[in-house]
Amino acid sequence: MIIREMRHSDCTALLSESRLARLACCRDNIPYVVPIYFHYVSNRIVSFSMPGQKIEWMRANSHVCLEIEHFIDKRRWKCLLVNGLFEELTGDDQRESAWTALQTDNDWWEPGSLKPGPQVVTSDRSHIFYAVNIESMSGREAIDE
């Protein structure tokens, strides 16, 4: 097995093919990592969430990191780290654009809309669309030779 750095084009290809990532954010020197579904569009990652800890923490500290992996077996895999800045999408055009990108995949709204325990039904627009504007990314892959 050989482990090597991924080229930028390989990193963007993995982003384009993937839908599940682990999002890391931090507040008061405490890290928090959660799975998200996402869609890669023009050097940014768009996603969806309901209000909660993840959104509160990203609002307080916009620096985030995502980890995306593609695992074939223990000798063939890819792992990508993306560093970027959280941006809440508040304009109708921004939200519509994010919705359009995300809805191309089945179940795009999971896990962002599912929370443990009973759910309170409200009439307000509590769902949140957001982007991670990519500042840097790097990846490694293992190949079996």
N, C-alpha and C. Protein backbone atom coordinates (compact mmCIF):
# COMPACT_ATOMS: atom_id res chain seq x y z
N MET A 1 0.85 -1.18 0.00
CA MET A 1 0.00 0.00 0.00
C MET A 1 0.89 1.24 0.00
N ILE A 2 0.50 2.23 -0.80
CA ILE A 2 1.20 3.50 -0.86
C ILE A 2 0.20 4.59 -0.48
N ILE A 3 0.63 5.50 0.40
CA ILE A 3 -0.19 6.65 0.76
C ILE A 3 0.43 7.87 0.13
N ARG A 4 -0.40 8.64 -0.57
CA ARG A 4 0.13 9.82 -1.26
C ARG A 4 -0.85 10.98 -1.14
N GLU A 5 -0.31 12.19 -1.36
CA GLU A 5 -1.12 13.40 -1.37
C GLU A 5 -2.01 13.39 -2.62
N MET A 6 -3.23 13.86 -2.46
CA MET A 6 -4.14 13.97 -3.60
C MET A 6 -3.90 15.30 -4.31
N ARG A 7 -4.00 15.28 -5.62
CA ARG A 7 -3.93 16.52 -6.40
C ARG A 7 -5.22 17.33 -6.16
N HIS A 8 -5.14 18.62 -6.43
CA HIS A 8 -6.31 19.49 -6.25
C HIS A 8 -7.50 18.97 -7.07
N SER A 9 -7.24 18.54 -8.29
CA SER A 9 -8.32 18.04 -9.14
C SER A 9 -8.96 16.78 -8.55
N ASP A 10 -8.17 15.94 -7.89
CA ASP A 10 -8.71 14.75 -7.23
C ASP A 10 -9.55 15.13 -6.01
N CYS A 11 -9.11 16.18 -5.30
CA CYS A 11 -9.88 16.67 -4.15
C CYS A 11 -11.25 17.19 -4.58
N THR A 12 -11.27 18.00 -5.63
CA THR A 12 -12.55 18.54 -6.10
C THR A 12 -13.43 17.44 -6.69
N ALA A 13 -12.83 16.43 -7.31
CA ALA A 13 -13.61 15.30 -7.83
C ALA A 13 -14.28 14.55 -6.67
N LEU A 14 -13.54 14.33 -5.59
CA LEU A 14 -14.11 13.64 -4.43
C LEU A 14 -15.24 14.48 -3.82
N LEU A 15 -15.05 15.78 -3.74
CA LEU A 15 -16.11 16.66 -3.24
C LEU A 15 -17.36 16.57 -4.12
N SER A 16 -17.17 16.56 -5.41
CA SER A 16 -18.30 16.51 -6.35
C SER A 16 -19.07 15.20 -6.26
N GLU A 17 -18.36 14.11 -5.96
CA GLU A 17 -18.98 12.78 -5.90
C GLU A 17 -19.62 12.48 -4.55
N SER A 18 -19.20 13.17 -3.51
CA SER A 18 -19.61 12.84 -2.14
C SER A 18 -20.84 13.63 -1.72
N ARG A 19 -21.55 13.10 -0.75
CA ARG A 19 -22.71 13.77 -0.18
C ARG A 19 -22.67 13.83 1.34
N LEU A 20 -21.87 12.97 1.97
CA LEU A 20 -21.81 12.90 3.43
C LEU A 20 -20.45 13.38 3.91
N ALA A 21 -20.45 14.26 4.90
CA ALA A 21 -19.21 14.75 5.50
C ALA A 21 -19.38 14.82 7.00
N ARG A 22 -18.28 14.98 7.68
CA ARG A 22 -18.30 15.29 9.10
C ARG A 22 -17.87 16.75 9.23
N LEU A 23 -18.72 17.54 9.86
CA LEU A 23 -18.46 18.96 10.03
C LEU A 23 -17.96 19.20 11.45
N ALA A 24 -16.82 19.88 11.56
CA ALA A 24 -16.26 20.23 12.87
C ALA A 24 -16.34 21.74 13.05
N CYS A 25 -16.84 22.13 14.20
CA CYS A 25 -16.85 23.54 14.58
C CYS A 25 -16.37 23.62 16.02
N CYS A 26 -16.12 24.84 16.49
CA CYS A 26 -15.55 25.00 17.82
C CYS A 26 -16.06 26.27 18.46
N ARG A 27 -16.36 26.19 19.75
CA ARG A 27 -16.75 27.38 20.52
C ARG A 27 -16.17 27.23 21.92
N ASP A 28 -15.58 28.29 22.42
CA ASP A 28 -14.97 28.29 23.76
C ASP A 28 -13.98 27.14 23.93
N ASN A 29 -13.20 26.90 22.88
CA ASN A 29 -12.18 25.85 22.87
C ASN A 29 -12.74 24.44 23.05
N ILE A 30 -14.00 24.25 22.73
CA ILE A 30 -14.62 22.93 22.79
C ILE A 30 -15.02 22.54 21.37
N PRO A 31 -14.48 21.43 20.85
CA PRO A 31 -14.84 21.01 19.49
C PRO A 31 -16.18 20.27 19.46
N TYR A 32 -16.80 20.29 18.30
CA TYR A 32 -18.08 19.62 18.08
C TYR A 32 -18.07 19.10 16.66
N VAL A 33 -18.36 17.82 16.48
CA VAL A 33 -18.34 17.19 15.15
C VAL A 33 -19.66 16.49 14.92
N VAL A 34 -20.26 16.75 13.74
CA VAL A 34 -21.54 16.14 13.38
C VAL A 34 -21.54 15.75 11.91
N PRO A 35 -22.31 14.73 11.55
CA PRO A 35 -22.45 14.39 10.13
C PRO A 35 -23.42 15.35 9.45
N ILE A 36 -23.11 15.68 8.21
CA ILE A 36 -24.01 16.51 7.40
C ILE A 36 -24.07 15.93 5.98
N TYR A 37 -25.18 16.17 5.33
CA TYR A 37 -25.27 15.96 3.89
C TYR A 37 -24.98 17.30 3.24
N PHE A 38 -24.32 17.29 2.10
CA PHE A 38 -23.93 18.53 1.46
C PHE A 38 -23.93 18.37 -0.05
N HIS A 39 -23.77 19.50 -0.72
CA HIS A 39 -23.58 19.51 -2.16
C HIS A 39 -22.48 20.53 -2.46
N TYR A 40 -21.55 20.15 -3.33
CA TYR A 40 -20.43 21.01 -3.70
C TYR A 40 -20.80 21.82 -4.93
N VAL A 41 -20.71 23.15 -4.81
CA VAL A 41 -21.05 24.05 -5.91
C VAL A 41 -20.05 25.21 -5.92
N SER A 42 -19.28 25.34 -6.99
CA SER A 42 -18.44 26.53 -7.22
C SER A 42 -17.61 26.95 -6.01
N ASN A 43 -16.74 26.06 -5.57
CA ASN A 43 -15.81 26.32 -4.46
C ASN A 43 -16.51 26.61 -3.13
N ARG A 44 -17.70 26.07 -2.97
CA ARG A 44 -18.39 26.17 -1.69
C ARG A 44 -19.22 24.92 -1.48
N ILE A 45 -19.46 24.65 -0.25
CA ILE A 45 -20.27 23.51 0.15
C ILE A 45 -21.57 24.08 0.71
N VAL A 46 -22.70 23.60 0.21
CA VAL A 46 -23.99 24.06 0.72
C VAL A 46 -24.65 22.93 1.48
N SER A 47 -25.38 23.31 2.54
CA SER A 47 -26.04 22.33 3.37
C SER A 47 -27.25 22.97 4.04
N PHE A 48 -27.89 22.19 4.90
CA PHE A 48 -29.17 22.56 5.50
C PHE A 48 -29.18 22.07 6.94
N SER A 49 -29.83 22.81 7.81
CA SER A 49 -29.95 22.40 9.21
C SER A 49 -31.17 23.04 9.84
N MET A 50 -31.59 22.48 10.93
CA MET A 50 -32.55 23.14 11.80
C MET A 50 -31.74 23.89 12.84
N PRO A 51 -32.33 24.86 13.53
CA PRO A 51 -31.58 25.56 14.58
C PRO A 51 -31.10 24.57 15.64
N GLY A 52 -29.95 24.84 16.19
CA GLY A 52 -29.40 23.98 17.23
C GLY A 52 -27.94 24.32 17.50
N GLN A 53 -27.27 23.42 18.19
CA GLN A 53 -25.90 23.66 18.63
C GLN A 53 -24.96 23.96 17.47
N LYS A 54 -25.04 23.18 16.41
CA LYS A 54 -24.14 23.37 15.26
C LYS A 54 -24.26 24.79 14.71
N ILE A 55 -25.48 25.25 14.48
CA ILE A 55 -25.71 26.58 13.92
C ILE A 55 -25.26 27.65 14.90
N GLU A 56 -25.62 27.50 16.18
CA GLU A 56 -25.20 28.48 17.18
C GLU A 56 -23.68 28.60 17.22
N TRP A 57 -22.99 27.47 17.19
CA TRP A 57 -21.53 27.50 17.29
C TRP A 57 -20.90 28.09 16.03
N MET A 58 -21.45 27.78 14.85
CA MET A 58 -20.88 28.33 13.62
C MET A 58 -21.15 29.83 13.53
N ARG A 59 -22.27 30.28 14.06
CA ARG A 59 -22.53 31.72 14.11
C ARG A 59 -21.51 32.42 15.02
N ALA A 60 -21.13 31.76 16.11
CA ALA A 60 -20.18 32.35 17.06
C ALA A 60 -18.74 32.30 16.54
N ASN A 61 -18.41 31.26 15.78
CA ASN A 61 -17.06 31.09 15.23
C ASN A 61 -17.22 30.50 13.84
N SER A 62 -17.02 31.31 12.83
CA SER A 62 -17.32 30.89 11.46
C SER A 62 -16.27 29.94 10.85
N HIS A 63 -15.14 29.73 11.52
CA HIS A 63 -14.12 28.82 11.00
C HIS A 63 -14.55 27.37 11.26
N VAL A 64 -14.66 26.60 10.17
CA VAL A 64 -15.09 25.21 10.27
C VAL A 64 -14.17 24.31 9.44
N CYS A 65 -14.30 23.03 9.69
CA CYS A 65 -13.54 22.03 8.94
C CYS A 65 -14.49 20.89 8.59
N LEU A 66 -14.33 20.35 7.40
CA LEU A 66 -15.11 19.18 7.00
C LEU A 66 -14.14 18.05 6.66
N GLU A 67 -14.58 16.85 6.98
CA GLU A 67 -13.81 15.65 6.64
C GLU A 67 -14.71 14.78 5.76
N ILE A 68 -14.19 14.43 4.59
CA ILE A 68 -14.91 13.60 3.64
C ILE A 68 -14.03 12.40 3.36
N GLU A 69 -14.61 11.22 3.36
CA GLU A 69 -13.82 10.04 3.07
C GLU A 69 -14.53 9.11 2.10
N HIS A 70 -13.72 8.39 1.39
CA HIS A 70 -14.22 7.36 0.47
C HIS A 70 -13.41 6.11 0.79
N PHE A 71 -14.08 5.12 1.33
CA PHE A 71 -13.41 3.91 1.81
C PHE A 71 -13.81 2.72 0.94
N ILE A 72 -12.83 2.12 0.29
CA ILE A 72 -13.08 0.91 -0.48
C ILE A 72 -12.75 -0.31 0.39
N ASP A 73 -11.54 -0.33 0.91
CA ASP A 73 -11.11 -1.33 1.89
C ASP A 73 -9.91 -0.75 2.62
N LYS A 74 -9.32 -1.51 3.53
CA LYS A 74 -8.27 -0.94 4.38
C LYS A 74 -6.99 -0.58 3.62
N ARG A 75 -6.88 -0.99 2.37
CA ARG A 75 -5.70 -0.66 1.57
C ARG A 75 -6.00 0.32 0.43
N ARG A 76 -7.28 0.70 0.28
CA ARG A 76 -7.68 1.64 -0.77
C ARG A 76 -8.73 2.59 -0.20
N TRP A 77 -8.34 3.84 -0.01
CA TRP A 77 -9.23 4.84 0.55
C TRP A 77 -8.76 6.24 0.18
N LYS A 78 -9.65 7.22 0.38
CA LYS A 78 -9.34 8.63 0.20
C LYS A 78 -9.90 9.39 1.39
N CYS A 79 -9.17 10.39 1.83
CA CYS A 79 -9.63 11.23 2.93
C CYS A 79 -9.30 12.68 2.60
N LEU A 80 -10.29 13.54 2.73
CA LEU A 80 -10.16 14.94 2.35
C LEU A 80 -10.53 15.83 3.53
N LEU A 81 -9.71 16.84 3.80
CA LEU A 81 -10.01 17.85 4.81
C LEU A 81 -10.22 19.19 4.11
N VAL A 82 -11.31 19.84 4.46
CA VAL A 82 -11.66 21.13 3.87
C VAL A 82 -11.77 22.15 5.01
N ASN A 83 -11.05 23.24 4.90
CA ASN A 83 -11.16 24.34 5.85
C ASN A 83 -11.90 25.48 5.16
N GLY A 84 -12.82 26.09 5.91
CA GLY A 84 -13.57 27.17 5.31
C GLY A 84 -14.30 28.01 6.32
N LEU A 85 -15.11 28.91 5.80
CA LEU A 85 -15.87 29.84 6.62
C LEU A 85 -17.37 29.63 6.43
N PHE A 86 -18.07 29.51 7.53
CA PHE A 86 -19.53 29.37 7.55
C PHE A 86 -20.17 30.67 7.08
N GLU A 87 -21.20 30.53 6.24
CA GLU A 87 -22.01 31.67 5.82
C GLU A 87 -23.46 31.24 5.81
N GLU A 88 -24.27 31.90 6.62
CA GLU A 88 -25.70 31.61 6.62
C GLU A 88 -26.32 32.25 5.39
N LEU A 89 -27.12 31.47 4.67
CA LEU A 89 -27.75 31.95 3.44
C LEU A 89 -29.13 32.49 3.79
N THR A 90 -29.27 33.80 3.76
CA THR A 90 -30.51 34.42 4.23
C THR A 90 -31.38 34.98 3.12
N GLY A 91 -30.79 35.35 2.01
CA GLY A 91 -31.58 35.89 0.90
C GLY A 91 -32.39 34.81 0.21
N ASP A 92 -33.54 35.17 -0.29
CA ASP A 92 -34.40 34.20 -0.97
C ASP A 92 -33.68 33.54 -2.15
N ASP A 93 -32.93 34.31 -2.92
CA ASP A 93 -32.19 33.75 -4.06
C ASP A 93 -31.14 32.76 -3.59
N GLN A 94 -30.42 33.09 -2.51
CA GLN A 94 -29.39 32.20 -1.97
C GLN A 94 -30.02 30.89 -1.48
N ARG A 95 -31.12 31.02 -0.75
CA ARG A 95 -31.80 29.84 -0.20
C ARG A 95 -32.35 28.96 -1.33
N GLU A 96 -32.92 29.58 -2.33
CA GLU A 96 -33.46 28.85 -3.48
C GLU A 96 -32.34 28.11 -4.22
N SER A 97 -31.22 28.77 -4.40
CA SER A 97 -30.08 28.16 -5.07
C SER A 97 -29.56 26.96 -4.28
N ALA A 98 -29.45 27.10 -2.96
CA ALA A 98 -29.00 25.98 -2.12
C ALA A 98 -30.00 24.84 -2.18
N TRP A 99 -31.29 25.16 -2.08
CA TRP A 99 -32.32 24.12 -2.15
C TRP A 99 -32.24 23.38 -3.47
N THR A 100 -32.09 24.10 -4.57
CA THR A 100 -32.01 23.49 -5.89
C THR A 100 -30.81 22.53 -5.97
N ALA A 101 -29.67 22.96 -5.47
CA ALA A 101 -28.48 22.11 -5.49
C ALA A 101 -28.67 20.87 -4.62
N LEU A 102 -29.21 21.04 -3.43
CA LEU A 102 -29.35 19.92 -2.50
C LEU A 102 -30.40 18.92 -2.94
N GLN A 103 -31.50 19.37 -3.50
CA GLN A 103 -32.61 18.47 -3.79
C GLN A 103 -32.34 17.51 -4.94
N THR A 104 -31.19 17.63 -5.59
CA THR A 104 -30.84 16.66 -6.64
C THR A 104 -30.58 15.28 -6.07
N ASP A 105 -30.39 15.19 -4.77
CA ASP A 105 -30.13 13.90 -4.11
C ASP A 105 -31.30 13.52 -3.21
N ASN A 106 -31.62 12.24 -3.19
CA ASN A 106 -32.67 11.76 -2.30
C ASN A 106 -32.26 12.00 -0.85
N ASP A 107 -33.22 12.28 -0.02
CA ASP A 107 -33.02 12.43 1.42
C ASP A 107 -31.99 13.50 1.77
N TRP A 108 -31.89 14.55 0.95
CA TRP A 108 -30.92 15.61 1.20
C TRP A 108 -31.16 16.31 2.53
N TRP A 109 -32.35 16.28 3.03
CA TRP A 109 -32.73 16.98 4.26
C TRP A 109 -32.34 16.21 5.52
N GLU A 110 -31.88 14.95 5.38
CA GLU A 110 -31.40 14.20 6.53
C GLU A 110 -29.89 14.40 6.63
N PRO A 111 -29.26 14.42 7.71
CA PRO A 111 -29.80 14.43 9.07
C PRO A 111 -30.12 15.82 9.59
N GLY A 112 -30.03 16.84 8.73
CA GLY A 112 -30.21 18.22 9.18
C GLY A 112 -31.55 18.54 9.78
N SER A 113 -32.59 17.78 9.43
CA SER A 113 -33.91 18.10 9.95
C SER A 113 -34.37 17.12 11.03
N LEU A 114 -33.59 16.10 11.29
CA LEU A 114 -34.01 15.10 12.28
C LEU A 114 -33.28 15.35 13.59
N LYS A 115 -34.04 15.42 14.65
CA LYS A 115 -33.47 15.62 15.98
C LYS A 115 -34.06 14.57 16.91
N PRO A 116 -33.28 14.14 17.91
CA PRO A 116 -33.83 13.17 18.86
C PRO A 116 -34.93 13.81 19.71
N GLY A 117 -35.90 13.03 20.08
CA GLY A 117 -36.95 13.52 20.95
C GLY A 117 -38.11 14.11 20.18
N PRO A 118 -39.14 14.53 20.90
CA PRO A 118 -40.33 15.10 20.27
C PRO A 118 -40.01 16.40 19.55
N GLN A 119 -40.71 16.64 18.45
CA GLN A 119 -40.51 17.83 17.65
C GLN A 119 -41.67 18.79 17.85
N VAL A 120 -41.36 20.05 18.01
CA VAL A 120 -42.38 21.09 18.12
C VAL A 120 -42.67 21.59 16.71
N VAL A 121 -43.93 21.60 16.34
CA VAL A 121 -44.33 22.07 15.02
C VAL A 121 -44.60 23.57 15.12
N THR A 122 -43.92 24.33 14.26
CA THR A 122 -44.13 25.78 14.24
C THR A 122 -44.43 26.22 12.82
N SER A 123 -44.94 27.42 12.69
CA SER A 123 -45.26 27.93 11.36
C SER A 123 -44.16 28.82 10.80
N ASP A 124 -43.12 29.11 11.60
CA ASP A 124 -42.06 29.98 11.08
C ASP A 124 -41.07 29.18 10.25
N ARG A 125 -40.22 29.91 9.51
CA ARG A 125 -39.22 29.27 8.66
C ARG A 125 -37.97 29.04 9.50
N SER A 126 -37.96 27.95 10.25
CA SER A 126 -36.84 27.71 11.14
C SER A 126 -35.71 26.94 10.46
N HIS A 127 -35.94 26.42 9.27
CA HIS A 127 -34.86 25.71 8.59
C HIS A 127 -33.82 26.70 8.09
N ILE A 128 -32.57 26.27 8.10
CA ILE A 128 -31.45 27.15 7.79
C ILE A 128 -30.63 26.54 6.67
N PHE A 129 -30.42 27.29 5.62
CA PHE A 129 -29.49 26.90 4.58
C PHE A 129 -28.20 27.66 4.83
N TYR A 130 -27.08 26.97 4.63
CA TYR A 130 -25.79 27.62 4.85
C TYR A 130 -24.76 27.10 3.86
N ALA A 131 -23.67 27.85 3.77
CA ALA A 131 -22.56 27.46 2.91
C ALA A 131 -21.27 27.46 3.73
N VAL A 132 -20.35 26.65 3.28
CA VAL A 132 -18.97 26.73 3.77
C VAL A 132 -18.14 27.17 2.57
N ASN A 133 -17.63 28.38 2.66
CA ASN A 133 -16.78 28.91 1.60
C ASN A 133 -15.37 28.36 1.80
N ILE A 134 -14.92 27.60 0.84
CA ILE A 134 -13.67 26.86 0.98
C ILE A 134 -12.47 27.80 0.93
N GLU A 135 -11.62 27.69 1.95
CA GLU A 135 -10.37 28.45 1.99
C GLU A 135 -9.18 27.57 1.60
N SER A 136 -9.21 26.31 2.02
CA SER A 136 -8.14 25.38 1.66
C SER A 136 -8.67 23.95 1.78
N MET A 137 -8.00 23.06 1.07
CA MET A 137 -8.33 21.64 1.21
C MET A 137 -7.09 20.82 0.88
N SER A 138 -7.03 19.67 1.51
CA SER A 138 -5.93 18.74 1.24
C SER A 138 -6.46 17.33 1.46
N GLY A 139 -5.88 16.41 0.72
CA GLY A 139 -6.34 15.04 0.83
C GLY A 139 -5.20 14.05 0.68
N ARG A 140 -5.45 12.87 1.19
CA ARG A 140 -4.53 11.75 1.03
C ARG A 140 -5.32 10.55 0.56
N GLU A 141 -4.62 9.70 -0.17
CA GLU A 141 -5.25 8.46 -0.62
C GLU A 141 -4.28 7.31 -0.47
N ALA A 142 -4.86 6.15 -0.23
CA ALA A 142 -4.07 4.93 -0.18
C ALA A 142 -4.41 4.13 -1.44
N ILE A 143 -3.36 3.65 -2.08
CA ILE A 143 -3.54 2.79 -3.25
C ILE A 143 -2.80 1.50 -3.01
N ASP A 144 -3.34 0.45 -3.52
CA ASP A 144 -2.75 -0.88 -3.35
C ASP A 144 -1.95 -1.21 -4.60
N GLU A 145 -0.66 -1.41 -4.42
CA GLU A 145 0.18 -1.76 -5.57
C GLU A 145 0.77 -3.14 -5.42
